[in-house]
Amino acid sequence: MSPYAAARLIGDALDLRHRLPLLWARILAGEVRPWIGRKTAEATREPVC
């Protein structure tokens, strides 16, 4: 895995845990697939200029 890909994975996990806690809980409960959570975190993240 490249450093860029690893940074994105970590960023998605942190976004889910801290910005989207209800979605994070559903992922942990097995109700939502992790790739859907990652796509949601990416789509709701503010763009970096």
PDB file of N, CA and C in Angstrom:
ATOM      1  N   MET A   1       0.852  -1.162   0.000  1.00  0.00           N
ATOM      2  CA  MET A   1       0.000   0.000   0.000  1.00  0.00           C
ATOM      3  C   MET A   1       0.904   1.233   0.000  1.00  0.00           C
ATOM      4  N   SER A   2       0.555   2.188  -0.824  1.00  0.00           N
ATOM      5  CA  SER A   2       1.343   3.420  -0.896  1.00  0.00           C
ATOM      6  C   SER A   2       1.075   4.300   0.329  1.00  0.00           C
ATOM      7  N   PRO A   3       2.002   5.197   0.628  1.00  0.00           N
ATOM      8  CA  PRO A   3       1.767   6.122   1.749  1.00  0.00           C
ATOM      9  C   PRO A   3       0.510   6.962   1.541  1.00  0.00           C
ATOM     10  N   TYR A   4       0.230   7.354   0.303  1.00  0.00           N
ATOM     11  CA  TYR A   4      -0.964   8.148   0.004  1.00  0.00           C
ATOM     12  C   TYR A   4      -2.234   7.343   0.307  1.00  0.00           C
ATOM     13  N   ALA A   5      -2.267   6.090  -0.139  1.00  0.00           N
ATOM     14  CA  ALA A   5      -3.438   5.239   0.108  1.00  0.00           C
ATOM     15  C   ALA A   5      -3.621   4.988   1.603  1.00  0.00           C
ATOM     16  N   ALA A   6      -2.522   4.784   2.315  1.00  0.00           N
ATOM     17  CA  ALA A   6      -2.599   4.573   3.756  1.00  0.00           C
ATOM     18  C   ALA A   6      -3.137   5.816   4.462  1.00  0.00           C
ATOM     19  N   ALA A   7      -2.689   6.992   4.047  1.00  0.00           N
ATOM     20  CA  ALA A   7      -3.165   8.236   4.650  1.00  0.00           C
ATOM     21  C   ALA A   7      -4.660   8.423   4.409  1.00  0.00           C
ATOM     22  N   ARG A   8      -5.121   8.073   3.219  1.00  0.00           N
ATOM     23  CA  ARG A   8      -6.559   8.184   2.929  1.00  0.00           C
ATOM     24  C   ARG A   8      -7.370   7.217   3.774  1.00  0.00           C
ATOM     25  N   LEU A   9      -6.881   5.997   3.946  1.00  0.00           N
ATOM     26  CA  LEU A   9      -7.578   5.007   4.765  1.00  0.00           C
ATOM     27  C   LEU A   9      -7.683   5.477   6.213  1.00  0.00           C
ATOM     28  N   ILE A  10      -6.589   5.981   6.752  1.00  0.00           N
ATOM     29  CA  ILE A  10      -6.589   6.492   8.119  1.00  0.00           C
ATOM     30  C   ILE A  10      -7.513   7.701   8.237  1.00  0.00           C
ATOM     31  N   GLY A  11      -7.461   8.594   7.248  1.00  0.00           N
ATOM     32  CA  GLY A  11      -8.333   9.770   7.257  1.00  0.00           C
ATOM     33  C   GLY A  11      -9.805   9.389   7.231  1.00  0.00           C
ATOM     34  N   ASP A  12     -10.143   8.400   6.424  1.00  0.00           N
ATOM     35  CA  ASP A  12     -11.538   7.939   6.368  1.00  0.00           C
ATOM     36  C   ASP A  12     -11.971   7.369   7.715  1.00  0.00           C
ATOM     37  N   ALA A  13     -11.108   6.576   8.330  1.00  0.00           N
ATOM     38  CA  ALA A  13     -11.451   5.987   9.631  1.00  0.00           C
ATOM     39  C   ALA A  13     -11.639   7.065  10.692  1.00  0.00           C
ATOM     40  N   LEU A  14     -10.762   8.055  10.691  1.00  0.00           N
ATOM     41  CA  LEU A  14     -10.897   9.142  11.668  1.00  0.00           C
ATOM     42  C   LEU A  14     -12.155   9.969  11.417  1.00  0.00           C
ATOM     43  N   ASP A  15     -12.456  10.232  10.155  1.00  0.00           N
ATOM     44  CA  ASP A  15     -13.690  10.956   9.836  1.00  0.00           C
ATOM     45  C   ASP A  15     -14.906  10.189  10.320  1.00  0.00           C
ATOM     46  N   LEU A  16     -14.929   8.891  10.073  1.00  0.00           N
ATOM     47  CA  LEU A  16     -16.070   8.085  10.508  1.00  0.00           C
ATOM     48  C   LEU A  16     -16.197   8.094  12.029  1.00  0.00           C
ATOM     49  N   ARG A  17     -15.091   7.916  12.705  1.00  0.00           N
ATOM     50  CA  ARG A  17     -15.129   7.828  14.172  1.00  0.00           C
ATOM     51  C   ARG A  17     -15.532   9.142  14.823  1.00  0.00           C
ATOM     52  N   HIS A  18     -15.041  10.259  14.300  1.00  0.00           N
ATOM     53  CA  HIS A  18     -15.240  11.541  14.974  1.00  0.00           C
ATOM     54  C   HIS A  18     -16.320  12.428  14.345  1.00  0.00           C
ATOM     55  N   ARG A  19     -16.475  12.392  13.038  1.00  0.00           N
ATOM     56  CA  ARG A  19     -17.478  13.256  12.394  1.00  0.00           C
ATOM     57  C   ARG A  19     -18.783  12.527  12.122  1.00  0.00           C
ATOM     58  N   LEU A  20     -18.720  11.214  11.970  1.00  0.00           N
ATOM     59  CA  LEU A  20     -19.908  10.438  11.617  1.00  0.00           C
ATOM     60  C   LEU A  20     -20.082   9.262  12.598  1.00  0.00           C
ATOM     61  N   PRO A  21     -20.263   9.559  13.889  1.00  0.00           N
ATOM     62  CA  PRO A  21     -20.288   8.477  14.886  1.00  0.00           C
ATOM     63  C   PRO A  21     -21.459   7.500  14.730  1.00  0.00           C
ATOM     64  N   LEU A  22     -22.585   7.956  14.234  1.00  0.00           N
ATOM     65  CA  LEU A  22     -23.712   7.029  14.060  1.00  0.00           C
ATOM     66  C   LEU A  22     -23.420   6.034  12.946  1.00  0.00           C
ATOM     67  N   LEU A  23     -22.825   6.501  11.879  1.00  0.00           N
ATOM     68  CA  LEU A  23     -22.440   5.605  10.789  1.00  0.00           C
ATOM     69  C   LEU A  23     -21.342   4.651  11.257  1.00  0.00           C
ATOM     70  N   TRP A  24     -20.396   5.148  12.036  1.00  0.00           N
ATOM     71  CA  TRP A  24     -19.332   4.318  12.596  1.00  0.00           C
ATOM     72  C   TRP A  24     -19.924   3.184  13.436  1.00  0.00           C
ATOM     73  N   ALA A  25     -20.914   3.501  14.255  1.00  0.00           N
ATOM     74  CA  ALA A  25     -21.548   2.481  15.091  1.00  0.00           C
ATOM     75  C   ALA A  25     -22.236   1.422  14.243  1.00  0.00           C
ATOM     76  N   ARG A  26     -22.844   1.837  13.152  1.00  0.00           N
ATOM     77  CA  ARG A  26     -23.522   0.870  12.279  1.00  0.00           C
ATOM     78  C   ARG A  26     -22.520  -0.018  11.550  1.00  0.00           C
ATOM     79  N   ILE A  27     -21.358   0.537  11.228  1.00  0.00           N
ATOM     80  CA  ILE A  27     -20.303  -0.276  10.612  1.00  0.00           C
ATOM     81  C   ILE A  27     -19.809  -1.314  11.616  1.00  0.00           C
ATOM     82  N   LEU A  28     -19.572  -0.885  12.850  1.00  0.00           N
ATOM     83  CA  LEU A  28     -19.102  -1.809  13.884  1.00  0.00           C
ATOM     84  C   LEU A  28     -20.133  -2.895  14.175  1.00  0.00           C
ATOM     85  N   ALA A  29     -21.419  -2.561  14.063  1.00  0.00           N
ATOM     86  CA  ALA A  29     -22.488  -3.534  14.309  1.00  0.00           C
ATOM     87  C   ALA A  29     -22.699  -4.467  13.120  1.00  0.00           C
ATOM     88  N   GLY A  30     -22.028  -4.194  12.009  1.00  0.00           N
ATOM     89  CA  GLY A  30     -22.172  -5.032  10.828  1.00  0.00           C
ATOM     90  C   GLY A  30     -23.382  -4.697   9.967  1.00  0.00           C
ATOM     91  N   GLU A  31     -24.015  -3.560  10.220  1.00  0.00           N
ATOM     92  CA  GLU A  31     -25.197  -3.158   9.465  1.00  0.00           C
ATOM     93  C   GLU A  31     -24.841  -2.451   8.163  1.00  0.00           C
ATOM     94  N   VAL A  32     -23.666  -1.857   8.107  1.00  0.00           N
ATOM     95  CA  VAL A  32     -23.211  -1.118   6.929  1.00  0.00           C
ATOM     96  C   VAL A  32     -21.837  -1.643   6.563  1.00  0.00           C
ATOM     97  N   ARG A  33     -21.605  -1.845   5.290  1.00  0.00           N
ATOM     98  CA  ARG A  33     -20.305  -2.329   4.840  1.00  0.00           C
ATOM     99  C   ARG A  33     -19.272  -1.209   4.938  1.00  0.00           C
ATOM    100  N   PRO A  34     -18.051  -1.544   5.320  1.00  0.00           N
ATOM    101  CA  PRO A  34     -17.019  -0.516   5.493  1.00  0.00           C
ATOM    102  C   PRO A  34     -16.753   0.326   4.245  1.00  0.00           C
ATOM    103  N   TRP A  35     -16.832  -0.259   3.062  1.00  0.00           N
ATOM    104  CA  TRP A  35     -16.556   0.532   1.862  1.00  0.00           C
ATOM    105  C   TRP A  35     -17.612   1.610   1.662  1.00  0.00           C
ATOM    106  N   ILE A  36     -18.827   1.361   2.092  1.00  0.00           N
ATOM    107  CA  ILE A  36     -19.874   2.379   1.990  1.00  0.00           C
ATOM    108  C   ILE A  36     -19.587   3.509   2.976  1.00  0.00           C
ATOM    109  N   GLY A  37     -19.131   3.169   4.158  1.00  0.00           N
ATOM    110  CA  GLY A  37     -18.747   4.188   5.133  1.00  0.00           C
ATOM    111  C   GLY A  37     -17.603   5.046   4.630  1.00  0.00           C
ATOM    112  N   ARG A  38     -16.621   4.413   4.007  1.00  0.00           N
ATOM    113  CA  ARG A  38     -15.481   5.171   3.469  1.00  0.00           C
ATOM    114  C   ARG A  38     -15.934   6.116   2.362  1.00  0.00           C
ATOM    115  N   LYS A  39     -16.802   5.654   1.488  1.00  0.00           N
ATOM    116  CA  LYS A  39     -17.304   6.524   0.407  1.00  0.00           C
ATOM    117  C   LYS A  39     -18.101   7.687   0.974  1.00  0.00           C
ATOM    118  N   THR A  40     -18.875   7.438   2.028  1.00  0.00           N
ATOM    119  CA  THR A  40     -19.650   8.495   2.658  1.00  0.00           C
ATOM    120  C   THR A  40     -18.722   9.514   3.314  1.00  0.00           C
ATOM    121  N   ALA A  41     -17.704   9.038   4.014  1.00  0.00           N
ATOM    122  CA  ALA A  41     -16.747   9.943   4.647  1.00  0.00           C
ATOM    123  C   ALA A  41     -16.063  10.804   3.598  1.00  0.00           C
ATOM    124  N   GLU A  42     -15.679  10.205   2.505  1.00  0.00           N
ATOM    125  CA  GLU A  42     -15.013  10.945   1.418  1.00  0.00           C
ATOM    126  C   GLU A  42     -15.946  11.994   0.809  1.00  0.00           C
ATOM    127  N   ALA A  43     -17.202  11.617   0.623  1.00  0.00           N
ATOM    128  CA  ALA A  43     -18.159  12.535  -0.010  1.00  0.00           C
ATOM    129  C   ALA A  43     -18.534  13.697   0.882  1.00  0.00           C
ATOM    130  N   THR A  44     -18.436  13.528   2.213  1.00  0.00           N
ATOM    131  CA  THR A  44     -18.850  14.590   3.127  1.00  0.00           C
ATOM    132  C   THR A  44     -17.675  15.409   3.651  1.00  0.00           C
ATOM    133  N   ARG A  45     -16.488  15.081   3.218  1.00  0.00           N
ATOM    134  CA  ARG A  45     -15.282  15.793   3.672  1.00  0.00           C
ATOM    135  C   ARG A  45     -15.168  17.126   2.934  1.00  0.00           C
ATOM    136  N   GLU A  46     -14.729  18.156   3.666  1.00  0.00           N
ATOM    137  CA  GLU A  46     -14.503  19.446   3.043  1.00  0.00           C
ATOM    138  C   GLU A  46     -13.283  19.356   2.141  1.00  0.00           C
ATOM    139  N   PRO A  47     -13.356  19.929   0.958  1.00  0.00           N
ATOM    140  CA  PRO A  47     -12.200  19.882   0.047  1.00  0.00           C
ATOM    141  C   PRO A  47     -11.010  20.664   0.601  1.00  0.00           C
ATOM    142  N   VAL A  48      -9.830  20.134   0.386  1.00  0.00           N
ATOM    143  CA  VAL A  48      -8.594  20.792   0.806  1.00  0.00           C
ATOM    144  C   VAL A  48      -8.054  21.581  -0.370  1.00  0.00           C
ATOM    145  N   CYS A  49      -7.811  22.849  -0.155  1.00  0.00           N
ATOM    146  CA  CYS A  49      -7.328  23.703  -1.252  1.00  0.00           C
ATOM    147  C   CYS A  49      -5.849  23.683  -1.378  1.00  0.00           C
TER     148      CYS A  49
END
